[in-house]
Amino acid sequence: MASRSYRTEAIVLKTLDLGEADRILTLLTRHFGKVRVVAKGIRKPLARLAGYAEPLTHGTFQLARGRNLDVLTGAESRAHYATLRGDLVSIAAGWYVAELADRFTADHLPAAPIFDLVENALRHLDAGHGAALVCRWFDLHLLDRSGFRPEVIVCVNCSGSLVEGQNAWSSAAGGALCPSCVARAGESFAQLSLRALKSLRYLLASDFASASRLRVDAPLAAEIERHLRGSVHQVIDRDVVTARFQDEIARLPRRSPVLA
């Protein structure tokens, strides 16, 4: 008979209050995919596990199998991300990462590559790397690991070479379009500058240690963000709520959306 209790490494993606004292946690686990568990009594004063029932908590969770939802019975911390939580831009980027991870994963299906990607992104945000760079690197690699890798090497329509000219970007088609295919299509597409194309190629081919060396000015950062947001929206077919929050933060005084 299988044990009712099990342990798993997990990151809390989101929470939902339940009743007067409980909370449902959406966990992205390394070995069991995405699972939803109930933390009973977690909102009571002095609840023992209250610190483990917040978004972006990374820990080892002890769970008991239940009829509808598994139950949180214990937890140990693996990473606090104190620096990330102390900065508005970084915490918003962390919530963005968590929201996309939730949208791109299904319950109880293996998701170890995406778990590793989320952990990587949160760790580098906590280390003080620029939120915009982390998010764009995360966008590209999440699309790739989910089977939606954007085409940036050849034209997504004709498979011809992308010349060093003014190419275009089509989120609906899945990536870059050459000038000839754009002309034949007879419709307008978002322009894809050569600098943006080279940056996308570099980010997609790089681990974060290499990607962190990329320096991009504000106009190029905005172009890359625009293309990748379109691609993400094409896949999930809905707005990303935390992206709107990031936009609001970027409009505050002294903020500028620069990949650095």
Protein backbone atom coordinates (compact mmCIF):
# COMPACT_ATOMS: atom_id res chain seq x y z
CA MET A 1 0.00 0.00 0.00
CA ALA A 2 1.42 3.37 -0.99
CA SER A 3 2.33 5.78 1.80
CA ARG A 4 -0.08 8.63 2.38
CA SER A 5 2.82 10.95 3.19
CA TYR A 6 5.53 12.21 0.84
CA ARG A 7 8.19 14.92 0.61
CA THR A 8 8.98 17.10 -2.38
CA GLU A 9 11.06 20.12 -3.28
CA ALA A 10 8.72 22.86 -4.49
CA ILE A 11 8.24 26.56 -5.16
CA VAL A 12 4.96 28.24 -4.24
CA LEU A 13 3.53 29.83 -7.39
CA LYS A 14 0.37 31.34 -5.93
CA THR A 15 -2.04 31.11 -2.99
CA LEU A 16 -5.78 31.34 -2.47
CA ASP A 17 -7.43 31.91 0.91
CA LEU A 18 -9.97 29.24 1.84
CA GLY A 19 -12.55 29.73 4.55
CA GLU A 20 -11.51 31.59 7.68
CA ALA A 21 -8.11 30.05 8.36
CA ASP A 22 -6.97 27.81 5.50
CA ARG A 23 -5.10 28.53 2.29
CA ILE A 24 -4.69 26.63 -0.98
CA LEU A 25 -1.13 26.63 -2.30
CA THR A 26 -0.21 25.99 -5.93
CA LEU A 27 3.17 24.28 -5.81
CA LEU A 28 5.53 23.67 -8.70
CA THR A 29 7.44 20.57 -7.66
CA ARG A 30 10.56 19.10 -9.12
CA HIS A 31 9.27 15.53 -9.30
CA PHE A 32 5.45 15.64 -9.28
CA GLY A 33 4.72 18.60 -11.53
CA LYS A 34 2.22 21.22 -10.41
CA VAL A 35 0.08 20.27 -7.42
CA ARG A 36 -2.46 22.12 -5.32
CA VAL A 37 -2.42 21.51 -1.58
CA VAL A 38 -4.34 22.87 1.38
CA ALA A 39 -2.53 24.45 4.31
CA LYS A 40 -5.00 24.03 7.16
CA GLY A 41 -5.10 26.71 9.83
CA ILE A 42 -2.21 28.55 8.17
CA ARG A 43 -3.84 31.99 8.60
CA LYS A 44 -4.34 31.65 12.33
CA PRO A 45 -2.14 33.79 14.58
CA LEU A 46 1.19 32.06 15.28
CA ALA A 47 0.52 29.28 12.75
CA ARG A 48 3.63 27.12 12.68
CA LEU A 49 3.98 26.94 8.89
CA ALA A 50 2.76 30.44 8.00
CA GLY A 51 6.13 31.44 6.55
CA TYR A 52 5.98 28.64 4.00
CA ALA A 53 2.57 29.57 2.58
CA GLU A 54 3.60 32.68 0.61
CA PRO A 55 4.29 33.02 -3.13
CA LEU A 56 7.92 32.39 -4.20
CA THR A 57 8.67 30.30 -1.13
CA HIS A 58 11.21 27.63 -2.08
CA GLY A 59 11.37 24.69 0.27
CA THR A 60 10.99 20.99 0.93
CA PHE A 61 7.35 20.29 1.71
CA GLN A 62 5.91 17.38 3.66
CA LEU A 63 2.50 16.47 2.25
CA ALA A 64 -0.24 13.98 3.08
CA ARG A 65 -2.40 12.63 0.28
CA GLY A 66 -6.03 13.68 0.52
CA ARG A 67 -9.23 12.84 -1.31
CA ASN A 68 -9.41 16.11 -3.30
CA LEU A 69 -6.35 18.09 -2.25
CA ASP A 70 -3.18 16.95 -0.56
CA VAL A 71 -2.50 18.52 2.84
CA LEU A 72 0.59 20.45 3.95
CA THR A 73 1.95 18.90 7.16
CA GLY A 74 5.50 20.25 7.33
CA ALA A 75 8.11 22.30 5.50
CA GLU A 76 11.79 23.23 5.48
CA SER A 77 13.23 26.28 3.76
CA ARG A 78 15.70 25.93 0.90
CA ALA A 79 15.97 29.59 -0.17
CA HIS A 80 14.65 32.80 1.42
CA TYR A 81 15.16 35.25 -1.50
CA ALA A 82 15.38 38.09 1.00
CA THR A 83 17.03 40.50 -1.47
CA LEU A 84 14.37 39.80 -4.12
CA ARG A 85 11.56 40.44 -1.63
CA GLY A 86 13.08 43.74 -0.56
CA ASP A 87 12.95 45.35 -4.01
CA LEU A 88 9.69 46.25 -5.77
CA VAL A 89 11.02 45.69 -9.30
CA SER A 90 12.55 42.33 -8.39
CA ILE A 91 9.52 41.00 -6.52
CA ALA A 92 7.27 42.01 -9.43
CA ALA A 93 9.60 40.08 -11.75
CA GLY A 94 9.40 37.10 -9.40
CA TRP A 95 5.60 37.20 -9.51
CA TYR A 96 5.80 37.41 -13.30
CA VAL A 97 7.98 34.28 -13.41
CA ALA A 98 5.57 32.46 -11.09
CA GLU A 99 2.49 33.47 -13.10
CA LEU A 100 3.98 32.24 -16.37
CA ALA A 101 5.14 29.00 -14.77
CA ASP A 102 1.57 28.44 -13.58
CA ARG A 103 0.13 29.21 -17.05
CA PHE A 104 2.59 26.96 -18.89
CA THR A 105 2.25 23.86 -16.68
CA ALA A 106 -0.55 21.37 -16.13
CA ASP A 107 -1.44 19.63 -12.89
CA HIS A 108 0.52 16.47 -12.05
CA LEU A 109 2.50 16.37 -15.29
CA PRO A 110 6.33 16.20 -15.10
CA ALA A 111 7.82 19.69 -15.22
CA ALA A 112 11.41 19.36 -13.96
CA PRO A 113 12.90 21.53 -16.76
CA ILE A 114 10.47 24.36 -15.97
CA PHE A 115 11.05 23.96 -12.23
CA ASP A 116 14.78 24.37 -12.83
CA LEU A 117 14.12 27.42 -15.01
CA VAL A 118 11.96 29.08 -12.34
CA GLU A 119 14.51 28.37 -9.63
CA ASN A 120 17.26 29.76 -11.85
CA ALA A 121 15.31 32.97 -12.51
CA LEU A 122 14.46 33.56 -8.84
CA ARG A 123 18.04 32.91 -7.76
CA HIS A 124 19.41 35.44 -10.22
CA LEU A 125 16.80 38.03 -9.30
CA ASP A 126 17.83 37.55 -5.67
CA ALA A 127 21.46 38.01 -6.68
CA GLY A 128 20.61 41.47 -8.00
CA HIS A 129 20.58 40.88 -11.75
CA GLY A 130 18.36 43.22 -13.77
CA ALA A 131 14.73 42.17 -13.67
CA ALA A 132 14.14 42.92 -17.36
CA LEU A 133 17.03 40.72 -18.47
CA VAL A 134 15.95 37.86 -16.21
CA CYS A 135 12.36 38.06 -17.49
CA ARG A 136 13.32 38.10 -21.17
CA TRP A 137 15.74 35.21 -20.72
CA PHE A 138 13.01 33.37 -18.82
CA ASP A 139 10.42 34.11 -21.55
CA LEU A 140 12.59 32.64 -24.27
CA HIS A 141 13.64 29.54 -22.39
CA LEU A 142 10.14 28.89 -21.05
CA LEU A 143 8.76 29.01 -24.59
CA ASP A 144 11.58 26.70 -25.71
CA ARG A 145 11.12 24.12 -22.94
CA SER A 146 7.35 24.15 -23.42
CA GLY A 147 7.61 23.29 -27.13
CA PHE A 148 7.04 26.82 -28.47
CA ARG A 149 10.61 27.80 -29.30
CA PRO A 150 10.51 31.01 -31.37
CA GLU A 151 12.21 30.77 -34.76
CA VAL A 152 15.14 33.20 -34.88
CA ILE A 153 17.56 31.37 -37.18
CA VAL A 154 15.62 31.17 -40.44
CA CYS A 155 12.35 32.60 -41.73
CA VAL A 156 9.49 30.86 -39.97
CA ASN A 157 7.49 30.85 -43.22
CA CYS A 158 9.91 29.85 -46.00
CA SER A 159 12.90 28.56 -43.97
CA GLY A 160 15.12 30.89 -45.95
CA SER A 161 18.03 32.79 -44.44
CA LEU A 162 17.28 35.96 -42.52
CA VAL A 163 19.24 38.71 -44.21
CA GLU A 164 20.91 41.55 -42.35
CA GLY A 165 18.09 43.89 -43.15
CA GLN A 166 14.68 44.78 -41.83
CA ASN A 167 13.03 41.47 -40.98
CA ALA A 168 9.71 41.17 -39.17
CA TRP A 169 8.25 39.38 -36.17
CA SER A 170 5.03 37.40 -36.16
CA SER A 171 3.93 35.95 -32.83
CA ALA A 172 1.12 34.11 -34.61
CA ALA A 173 3.53 32.48 -37.07
CA GLY A 174 6.06 31.67 -34.36
CA GLY A 175 9.01 33.97 -34.94
CA ALA A 176 10.98 35.91 -37.51
CA LEU A 177 9.86 36.55 -41.08
CA CYS A 178 12.12 37.51 -43.99
CA PRO A 179 11.38 40.66 -46.05
CA SER A 180 10.26 38.59 -49.06
CA CYS A 181 7.61 36.70 -47.08
CA VAL A 182 6.44 39.93 -45.50
CA ALA A 183 6.00 41.49 -48.94
CA ARG A 184 4.10 38.47 -50.28
CA ALA A 185 1.81 38.36 -47.24
CA GLY A 186 0.45 41.80 -47.99
CA GLU A 187 -0.17 42.61 -44.33
CA SER A 188 1.71 44.51 -41.66
CA PHE A 189 3.95 42.85 -39.11
CA ALA A 190 6.03 44.19 -36.24
CA GLN A 191 9.47 45.20 -37.46
CA LEU A 192 12.39 43.13 -36.18
CA SER A 193 15.64 45.07 -36.10
CA LEU A 194 18.95 43.34 -36.70
CA ARG A 195 20.05 44.18 -33.16
CA ALA A 196 16.92 42.59 -31.72
CA LEU A 197 17.35 39.48 -33.87
CA LYS A 198 20.96 39.03 -32.74
CA SER A 199 20.01 39.62 -29.11
CA LEU A 200 17.20 37.06 -29.25
CA ARG A 201 19.56 34.51 -30.78
CA TYR A 202 22.13 35.17 -28.09
CA LEU A 203 19.67 34.94 -25.20
CA LEU A 204 18.12 31.75 -26.54
CA ALA A 205 21.48 30.04 -26.97
CA SER A 206 22.87 31.16 -23.59
CA ASP A 207 22.70 30.00 -20.01
CA PHE A 208 22.10 32.89 -17.66
CA ALA A 209 25.78 33.32 -16.80
CA SER A 210 26.42 34.16 -20.45
CA ALA A 211 23.15 36.07 -20.93
CA SER A 212 24.01 38.35 -18.01
CA ARG A 213 26.84 39.86 -20.06
CA LEU A 214 24.37 41.26 -22.59
CA ARG A 215 23.91 45.03 -22.49
CA VAL A 216 20.93 46.56 -24.24
CA ASP A 217 19.76 50.17 -24.46
CA ALA A 218 16.18 51.22 -23.72
CA PRO A 219 14.76 51.15 -27.29
CA LEU A 220 16.17 47.69 -27.96
CA ALA A 221 14.95 46.43 -24.58
CA ALA A 222 11.45 47.66 -25.36
CA GLU A 223 11.49 45.97 -28.78
CA ILE A 224 12.60 42.61 -27.37
CA GLU A 225 9.99 42.83 -24.63
CA ARG A 226 7.25 43.66 -27.13
CA HIS A 227 8.06 40.66 -29.35
CA LEU A 228 8.31 38.16 -26.50
CA ARG A 229 5.18 39.38 -24.76
CA GLY A 230 3.35 38.83 -28.03
CA SER A 231 4.71 35.30 -28.26
CA VAL A 232 3.74 34.48 -24.69
CA HIS A 233 0.24 35.88 -25.22
CA GLN A 234 -0.10 33.82 -28.40
CA VAL A 235 0.54 30.63 -26.43
CA ILE A 236 -1.58 31.25 -23.33
CA ASP A 237 -4.24 33.36 -25.12
CA ARG A 238 -4.65 35.78 -22.22
CA ASP A 239 -2.98 38.79 -20.68
CA VAL A 240 -0.29 38.34 -18.07
CA VAL A 241 -1.56 40.20 -15.02
CA THR A 242 1.87 40.72 -13.48
CA ALA A 243 3.18 42.20 -16.74
CA ARG A 244 0.70 45.05 -16.31
CA PHE A 245 2.00 45.57 -12.77
CA GLN A 246 5.55 45.68 -14.12
CA ASP A 247 4.43 48.35 -16.61
CA GLU A 248 2.99 50.43 -13.79
CA ILE A 249 6.26 50.20 -11.87
CA ALA A 250 8.23 51.18 -14.97
CA ARG A 251 6.17 54.36 -15.25
CA LEU A 252 7.11 55.47 -11.76
CA PRO A 253 9.70 58.27 -11.53
CA ARG A 254 13.37 57.26 -12.00
CA ARG A 255 12.51 53.90 -13.57
CA SER A 256 13.61 53.09 -17.12
CA PRO A 257 13.02 49.71 -18.87
CA VAL A 258 16.64 48.86 -19.66
CA LEU A 259 17.96 45.33 -19.99
CA ALA A 260 21.04 45.32 -17.80
